[in-house]
Amino acid sequence: MSDASPNTEPDPPAAPRTDTSRPKPQFGEYATPEEQRARIQEPAPWQQEPPTPVMTDSPAPGIPASPAPAERGPRPVDRIVTFALLAYGLVNVISSVPAFLDYGAYAETLLSMLGVDVQITDPAAGKAWGIAAVLVLAVGWCATAVVSWWSVRRGRLTWWIPLVGGILFTFVSGALMAVPLMNDPAVWQALVESAGG
């Protein structure tokens, strides 16, 4: 084992490099974190100046600007058709109320139109379904009218809203009115025989 004492002398400082082949740092690539923080605290000149407003081209003085699509004027034909469909729907709802509330007469008329000679067993059981159908029609018409009015006020194309609402709520109320007929075994058997033969 050798008693070599460790070298206690510090290494001499490295001589500064005088390598000119590498460009001098320009943007703080070799800056210490402290130097970077000191520089970050000072905003860049482009950050100190207020932004200049962007000027848009305005139309010539003699030419009026075209309105935006959402700000279009009223569409008289669309309004007329929309309100005509809503009026027709209201007349349909009002005329359906007595027919739906008298379920026995409604079932008799419907079965005679289908060419089936049978009587519903319990017409009183259909009264609740008739009331439900009337409520669906009335609430559906009110909802359709509100959505249509909102759409007309916004200047949108609206004629299709009462049309779709009328078809949808008429179908739902018709399905409600058919439930007691489908639950009656005599009527169901007569309908099956009529369809089969």
C-alpha atoms as a PDB file:
ATOM      1  CA  MET A   1       0.000   0.000   0.000  1.00  0.00           C
ATOM      2  CA  SER A   2       1.487   3.350  -0.840  1.00  0.00           C
ATOM      3  CA  ASP A   3       1.322   6.399   1.343  1.00  0.00           C
ATOM      4  CA  ALA A   4       0.711   8.792  -1.465  1.00  0.00           C
ATOM      5  CA  SER A   5      -0.939  11.846  -0.132  1.00  0.00           C
ATOM      6  CA  PRO A   6      -3.749  13.219  -2.131  1.00  0.00           C
ATOM      7  CA  ASN A   7      -3.137  16.306  -4.143  1.00  0.00           C
ATOM      8  CA  THR A   8      -4.504  19.156  -2.061  1.00  0.00           C
ATOM      9  CA  GLU A   9      -3.703  21.906  -4.486  1.00  0.00           C
ATOM     10  CA  PRO A  10      -6.723  23.218  -6.401  1.00  0.00           C
ATOM     11  CA  ASP A  11      -6.721  22.929 -10.114  1.00  0.00           C
ATOM     12  CA  PRO A  12      -5.636  26.101 -11.839  1.00  0.00           C
ATOM     13  CA  PRO A  13      -8.502  28.099 -13.369  1.00  0.00           C
ATOM     14  CA  ALA A  14      -9.123  27.363 -16.971  1.00  0.00           C
ATOM     15  CA  ALA A  15      -7.944  29.988 -19.342  1.00  0.00           C
ATOM     16  CA  PRO A  16     -10.749  31.845 -21.106  1.00  0.00           C
ATOM     17  CA  ARG A  17     -11.502  30.452 -24.482  1.00  0.00           C
ATOM     18  CA  THR A  18     -10.662  32.630 -27.343  1.00  0.00           C
ATOM     19  CA  ASP A  19     -12.427  30.482 -29.875  1.00  0.00           C
ATOM     20  CA  THR A  20     -13.810  32.810 -32.533  1.00  0.00           C
ATOM     21  CA  SER A  21     -15.354  30.078 -34.641  1.00  0.00           C
ATOM     22  CA  ARG A  22     -18.534  30.144 -32.512  1.00  0.00           C
ATOM     23  CA  PRO A  23     -20.689  33.291 -32.709  1.00  0.00           C
ATOM     24  CA  LYS A  24     -21.093  35.475 -29.678  1.00  0.00           C
ATOM     25  CA  PRO A  25     -24.431  34.769 -27.875  1.00  0.00           C
ATOM     26  CA  GLN A  26     -27.006  37.443 -28.654  1.00  0.00           C
ATOM     27  CA  PHE A  27     -30.215  36.415 -26.911  1.00  0.00           C
ATOM     28  CA  GLY A  28     -29.065  35.117 -23.540  1.00  0.00           C
ATOM     29  CA  GLU A  29     -28.404  31.521 -24.484  1.00  0.00           C
ATOM     30  CA  TYR A  30     -25.660  31.329 -21.908  1.00  0.00           C
ATOM     31  CA  ALA A  31     -27.193  33.682 -19.319  1.00  0.00           C
ATOM     32  CA  THR A  32     -27.540  32.522 -15.739  1.00  0.00           C
ATOM     33  CA  PRO A  33     -31.054  32.143 -14.290  1.00  0.00           C
ATOM     34  CA  GLU A  34     -30.536  35.333 -12.254  1.00  0.00           C
ATOM     35  CA  GLU A  35     -29.638  37.280 -15.380  1.00  0.00           C
ATOM     36  CA  GLN A  36     -32.658  35.860 -17.186  1.00  0.00           C
ATOM     37  CA  ARG A  37     -35.001  36.894 -14.339  1.00  0.00           C
ATOM     38  CA  ALA A  38     -33.538  40.393 -14.306  1.00  0.00           C
ATOM     39  CA  ARG A  39     -34.134  40.753 -18.031  1.00  0.00           C
ATOM     40  CA  ILE A  40     -37.674  39.335 -17.887  1.00  0.00           C
ATOM     41  CA  GLN A  41     -38.733  42.051 -15.416  1.00  0.00           C
ATOM     42  CA  GLU A  42     -38.172  44.681 -18.089  1.00  0.00           C
ATOM     43  CA  PRO A  43     -40.885  44.423 -20.745  1.00  0.00           C
ATOM     44  CA  ALA A  44     -39.861  44.487 -24.330  1.00  0.00           C
ATOM     45  CA  PRO A  45     -40.475  47.719 -26.243  1.00  0.00           C
ATOM     46  CA  TRP A  46     -43.296  46.158 -28.245  1.00  0.00           C
ATOM     47  CA  GLN A  47     -45.037  45.296 -24.994  1.00  0.00           C
ATOM     48  CA  GLN A  48     -44.863  48.883 -23.708  1.00  0.00           C
ATOM     49  CA  GLU A  49     -46.591  50.555 -26.645  1.00  0.00           C
ATOM     50  CA  PRO A  50     -50.368  50.400 -26.838  1.00  0.00           C
ATOM     51  CA  PRO A  51     -51.630  48.400 -29.804  1.00  0.00           C
ATOM     52  CA  THR A  52     -52.782  50.419 -32.752  1.00  0.00           C
ATOM     53  CA  PRO A  53     -56.443  49.949 -33.695  1.00  0.00           C
ATOM     54  CA  VAL A  54     -57.090  47.859 -36.768  1.00  0.00           C
ATOM     55  CA  MET A  55     -58.969  49.785 -39.401  1.00  0.00           C
ATOM     56  CA  THR A  56     -61.504  47.892 -41.468  1.00  0.00           C
ATOM     57  CA  ASP A  57     -62.673  48.863 -44.875  1.00  0.00           C
ATOM     58  CA  SER A  58     -65.974  50.668 -44.694  1.00  0.00           C
ATOM     59  CA  PRO A  59     -68.338  50.677 -47.653  1.00  0.00           C
ATOM     60  CA  ALA A  60     -68.416  53.653 -49.925  1.00  0.00           C
ATOM     61  CA  PRO A  61     -70.666  56.491 -48.686  1.00  0.00           C
ATOM     62  CA  GLY A  62     -73.286  55.922 -51.387  1.00  0.00           C
ATOM     63  CA  ILE A  63     -73.571  52.140 -50.891  1.00  0.00           C
ATOM     64  CA  PRO A  64     -75.521  50.921 -47.824  1.00  0.00           C
ATOM     65  CA  ALA A  65     -73.978  48.101 -45.835  1.00  0.00           C
ATOM     66  CA  SER A  66     -75.736  44.761 -46.242  1.00  0.00           C
ATOM     67  CA  PRO A  67     -77.394  43.503 -43.042  1.00  0.00           C
ATOM     68  CA  ALA A  68     -75.948  40.524 -41.228  1.00  0.00           C
ATOM     69  CA  PRO A  69     -77.828  37.236 -41.725  1.00  0.00           C
ATOM     70  CA  ALA A  70     -79.207  37.283 -38.155  1.00  0.00           C
ATOM     71  CA  GLU A  71     -80.407  40.880 -38.595  1.00  0.00           C
ATOM     72  CA  ARG A  72     -82.476  40.325 -41.711  1.00  0.00           C
ATOM     73  CA  GLY A  73     -85.731  42.112 -42.022  1.00  0.00           C
ATOM     74  CA  PRO A  74     -89.074  40.410 -41.639  1.00  0.00           C
ATOM     75  CA  ARG A  75     -90.086  37.816 -44.206  1.00  0.00           C
ATOM     76  CA  PRO A  76     -93.749  38.535 -44.889  1.00  0.00           C
ATOM     77  CA  VAL A  77     -94.506  35.276 -46.748  1.00  0.00           C
ATOM     78  CA  ASP A  78     -92.882  33.205 -44.015  1.00  0.00           C
ATOM     79  CA  ARG A  79     -94.861  35.037 -41.334  1.00  0.00           C
ATOM     80  CA  ILE A  80     -98.145  34.604 -43.204  1.00  0.00           C
ATOM     81  CA  VAL A  81     -97.573  30.874 -43.712  1.00  0.00           C
ATOM     82  CA  THR A  82     -96.420  30.422 -40.096  1.00  0.00           C
ATOM     83  CA  PHE A  83     -99.446  32.169 -38.604  1.00  0.00           C
ATOM     84  CA  ALA A  84    -101.820  30.422 -41.027  1.00  0.00           C
ATOM     85  CA  LEU A  85    -100.454  27.029 -39.936  1.00  0.00           C
ATOM     86  CA  LEU A  86    -100.732  28.026 -36.274  1.00  0.00           C
ATOM     87  CA  ALA A  87    -104.348  29.141 -36.831  1.00  0.00           C
ATOM     88  CA  TYR A  88    -105.158  25.857 -38.591  1.00  0.00           C
ATOM     89  CA  GLY A  89    -103.548  23.953 -35.706  1.00  0.00           C
ATOM     90  CA  LEU A  90    -105.592  25.894 -33.151  1.00  0.00           C
ATOM     91  CA  VAL A  91    -108.838  25.123 -35.020  1.00  0.00           C
ATOM     92  CA  ASN A  92    -107.792  21.453 -35.163  1.00  0.00           C
ATOM     93  CA  VAL A  93    -107.107  21.356 -31.401  1.00  0.00           C
ATOM     94  CA  ILE A  94    -110.410  23.053 -30.542  1.00  0.00           C
ATOM     95  CA  SER A  95    -112.437  20.779 -32.837  1.00  0.00           C
ATOM     96  CA  SER A  96    -110.699  17.672 -31.470  1.00  0.00           C
ATOM     97  CA  VAL A  97    -111.606  18.377 -27.850  1.00  0.00           C
ATOM     98  CA  PRO A  98    -115.291  17.262 -28.033  1.00  0.00           C
ATOM     99  CA  ALA A  99    -114.437  14.240 -30.181  1.00  0.00           C
ATOM    100  CA  PHE A 100    -111.665  13.051 -27.866  1.00  0.00           C
ATOM    101  CA  LEU A 101    -113.694  13.566 -24.687  1.00  0.00           C
ATOM    102  CA  ASP A 102    -116.598  11.426 -26.006  1.00  0.00           C
ATOM    103  CA  TYR A 103    -114.526   8.294 -26.464  1.00  0.00           C
ATOM    104  CA  GLY A 104    -117.455   5.983 -27.280  1.00  0.00           C
ATOM    105  CA  ALA A 105    -118.501   8.078 -30.306  1.00  0.00           C
ATOM    106  CA  TYR A 106    -114.843   8.477 -31.356  1.00  0.00           C
ATOM    107  CA  ALA A 107    -114.242   4.706 -31.254  1.00  0.00           C
ATOM    108  CA  GLU A 108    -117.478   3.992 -33.145  1.00  0.00           C
ATOM    109  CA  THR A 109    -116.577   6.493 -35.885  1.00  0.00           C
ATOM    110  CA  LEU A 110    -113.008   5.190 -36.168  1.00  0.00           C
ATOM    111  CA  LEU A 111    -114.071   1.535 -36.321  1.00  0.00           C
ATOM    112  CA  SER A 112    -116.722   2.261 -38.957  1.00  0.00           C
ATOM    113  CA  MET A 113    -114.079   4.103 -41.033  1.00  0.00           C
ATOM    114  CA  LEU A 114    -111.865   1.008 -40.771  1.00  0.00           C
ATOM    115  CA  GLY A 115    -114.785  -1.167 -41.906  1.00  0.00           C
ATOM    116  CA  VAL A 116    -114.949  -3.173 -38.671  1.00  0.00           C
ATOM    117  CA  ASP A 117    -118.395  -3.992 -37.269  1.00  0.00           C
ATOM    118  CA  VAL A 118    -117.694  -4.232 -33.530  1.00  0.00           C
ATOM    119  CA  GLN A 119    -118.425  -2.178 -30.426  1.00  0.00           C
ATOM    120  CA  ILE A 120    -115.834  -1.254 -27.824  1.00  0.00           C
ATOM    121  CA  THR A 121    -116.460  -3.169 -24.597  1.00  0.00           C
ATOM    122  CA  ASP A 122    -115.892  -0.303 -22.117  1.00  0.00           C
ATOM    123  CA  PRO A 123    -116.103   3.189 -23.674  1.00  0.00           C
ATOM    124  CA  ALA A 124    -115.743   4.829 -20.237  1.00  0.00           C
ATOM    125  CA  ALA A 125    -112.221   3.377 -19.913  1.00  0.00           C
ATOM    126  CA  GLY A 126    -111.137   5.459 -22.902  1.00  0.00           C
ATOM    127  CA  LYS A 127    -112.157   8.780 -21.340  1.00  0.00           C
ATOM    128  CA  ALA A 128    -108.840   9.143 -19.453  1.00  0.00           C
ATOM    129  CA  TRP A 129    -106.949   8.461 -22.684  1.00  0.00           C
ATOM    130  CA  GLY A 130    -109.067  11.084 -24.445  1.00  0.00           C
ATOM    131  CA  ILE A 131    -108.256  13.673 -21.776  1.00  0.00           C
ATOM    132  CA  ALA A 132    -104.546  12.822 -22.096  1.00  0.00           C
ATOM    133  CA  ALA A 133    -104.746  13.243 -25.880  1.00  0.00           C
ATOM    134  CA  VAL A 134    -106.454  16.641 -25.511  1.00  0.00           C
ATOM    135  CA  LEU A 135    -103.752  17.777 -23.086  1.00  0.00           C
ATOM    136  CA  VAL A 136    -101.000  16.634 -25.456  1.00  0.00           C
ATOM    137  CA  LEU A 137    -102.603  18.546 -28.319  1.00  0.00           C
ATOM    138  CA  ALA A 138    -103.130  21.721 -26.268  1.00  0.00           C
ATOM    139  CA  VAL A 139     -99.663  21.758 -24.681  1.00  0.00           C
ATOM    140  CA  GLY A 140     -98.096  20.837 -28.024  1.00  0.00           C
ATOM    141  CA  TRP A 141     -99.867  23.697 -29.787  1.00  0.00           C
ATOM    142  CA  CYS A 142     -98.782  26.177 -27.095  1.00  0.00           C
ATOM    143  CA  ALA A 143     -95.152  25.001 -27.268  1.00  0.00           C
ATOM    144  CA  THR A 144     -95.199  25.193 -31.065  1.00  0.00           C
ATOM    145  CA  ALA A 145     -96.657  28.704 -30.960  1.00  0.00           C
ATOM    146  CA  VAL A 146     -94.008  29.910 -28.488  1.00  0.00           C
ATOM    147  CA  VAL A 147     -91.114  28.453 -30.503  1.00  0.00           C
ATOM    148  CA  SER A 148     -92.582  29.849 -33.733  1.00  0.00           C
ATOM    149  CA  TRP A 149     -92.996  33.332 -32.220  1.00  0.00           C
ATOM    150  CA  TRP A 150     -89.426  33.257 -30.902  1.00  0.00           C
ATOM    151  CA  SER A 151     -88.119  32.236 -34.324  1.00  0.00           C
ATOM    152  CA  VAL A 152     -90.147  34.925 -36.134  1.00  0.00           C
ATOM    153  CA  ARG A 153     -88.816  37.562 -33.732  1.00  0.00           C
ATOM    154  CA  ARG A 154     -85.260  36.516 -34.561  1.00  0.00           C
ATOM    155  CA  GLY A 155     -85.942  36.822 -38.289  1.00  0.00           C
ATOM    156  CA  ARG A 156     -85.399  33.138 -38.999  1.00  0.00           C
ATOM    157  CA  LEU A 157     -87.256  30.927 -41.444  1.00  0.00           C
ATOM    158  CA  THR A 158     -90.175  29.623 -39.354  1.00  0.00           C
ATOM    159  CA  TRP A 159     -92.916  28.044 -41.483  1.00  0.00           C
ATOM    160  CA  TRP A 160     -91.627  24.516 -40.839  1.00  0.00           C
ATOM    161  CA  ILE A 161     -91.967  24.747 -37.025  1.00  0.00           C
ATOM    162  CA  PRO A 162     -95.812  24.671 -36.903  1.00  0.00           C
ATOM    163  CA  LEU A 163     -95.816  21.979 -39.579  1.00  0.00           C
ATOM    164  CA  VAL A 164     -93.468  19.672 -37.665  1.00  0.00           C
ATOM    165  CA  GLY A 165     -95.165  20.466 -34.335  1.00  0.00           C
ATOM    166  CA  GLY A 166     -98.594  19.693 -35.785  1.00  0.00           C
ATOM    167  CA  ILE A 167     -97.483  16.362 -37.236  1.00  0.00           C
ATOM    168  CA  LEU A 168     -95.643  15.336 -34.073  1.00  0.00           C
ATOM    169  CA  PHE A 169     -98.352  16.187 -31.538  1.00  0.00           C
ATOM    170  CA  THR A 170    -101.169  14.842 -33.742  1.00  0.00           C
ATOM    171  CA  PHE A 171     -99.308  11.532 -34.017  1.00  0.00           C
ATOM    172  CA  VAL A 172     -98.764  11.337 -30.231  1.00  0.00           C
ATOM    173  CA  SER A 173    -102.410  12.148 -29.447  1.00  0.00           C
ATOM    174  CA  GLY A 174    -103.594   9.619 -32.058  1.00  0.00           C
ATOM    175  CA  ALA A 175    -101.419   6.950 -30.456  1.00  0.00           C
ATOM    176  CA  LEU A 176    -102.942   7.772 -27.057  1.00  0.00           C
ATOM    177  CA  MET A 177    -106.444   7.459 -28.508  1.00  0.00           C
ATOM    178  CA  ALA A 178    -105.589   4.047 -30.003  1.00  0.00           C
ATOM    179  CA  VAL A 179    -104.472   2.511 -26.698  1.00  0.00           C
ATOM    180  CA  PRO A 180    -107.983   1.597 -25.402  1.00  0.00           C
ATOM    181  CA  LEU A 181    -108.898   0.092 -28.781  1.00  0.00           C
ATOM    182  CA  MET A 182    -105.776  -2.074 -28.799  1.00  0.00           C
ATOM    183  CA  ASN A 183    -106.453  -3.199 -25.221  1.00  0.00           C
ATOM    184  CA  ASP A 184    -109.995  -4.360 -26.027  1.00  0.00           C
ATOM    185  CA  PRO A 185    -109.827  -8.077 -27.009  1.00  0.00           C
ATOM    186  CA  ALA A 186    -113.022  -7.979 -29.106  1.00  0.00           C
ATOM    187  CA  VAL A 187    -111.861  -4.952 -31.115  1.00  0.00           C
ATOM    188  CA  TRP A 188    -108.379  -6.414 -31.525  1.00  0.00           C
ATOM    189  CA  GLN A 189    -109.783  -9.722 -32.802  1.00  0.00           C
ATOM    190  CA  ALA A 190    -112.102  -7.918 -35.249  1.00  0.00           C
ATOM    191  CA  LEU A 191    -109.182  -5.816 -36.539  1.00  0.00           C
ATOM    192  CA  VAL A 192    -107.009  -8.901 -37.037  1.00  0.00           C
ATOM    193  CA  GLU A 193    -109.825 -10.710 -38.884  1.00  0.00           C
ATOM    194  CA  SER A 194    -110.482  -7.630 -41.023  1.00  0.00           C
ATOM    195  CA  ALA A 195    -106.813  -7.358 -41.961  1.00  0.00           C
ATOM    196  CA  GLY A 196    -106.498 -11.085 -42.681  1.00  0.00           C
ATOM    197  CA  GLY A 197    -109.512 -11.598 -44.791  1.00  0.00           C
END
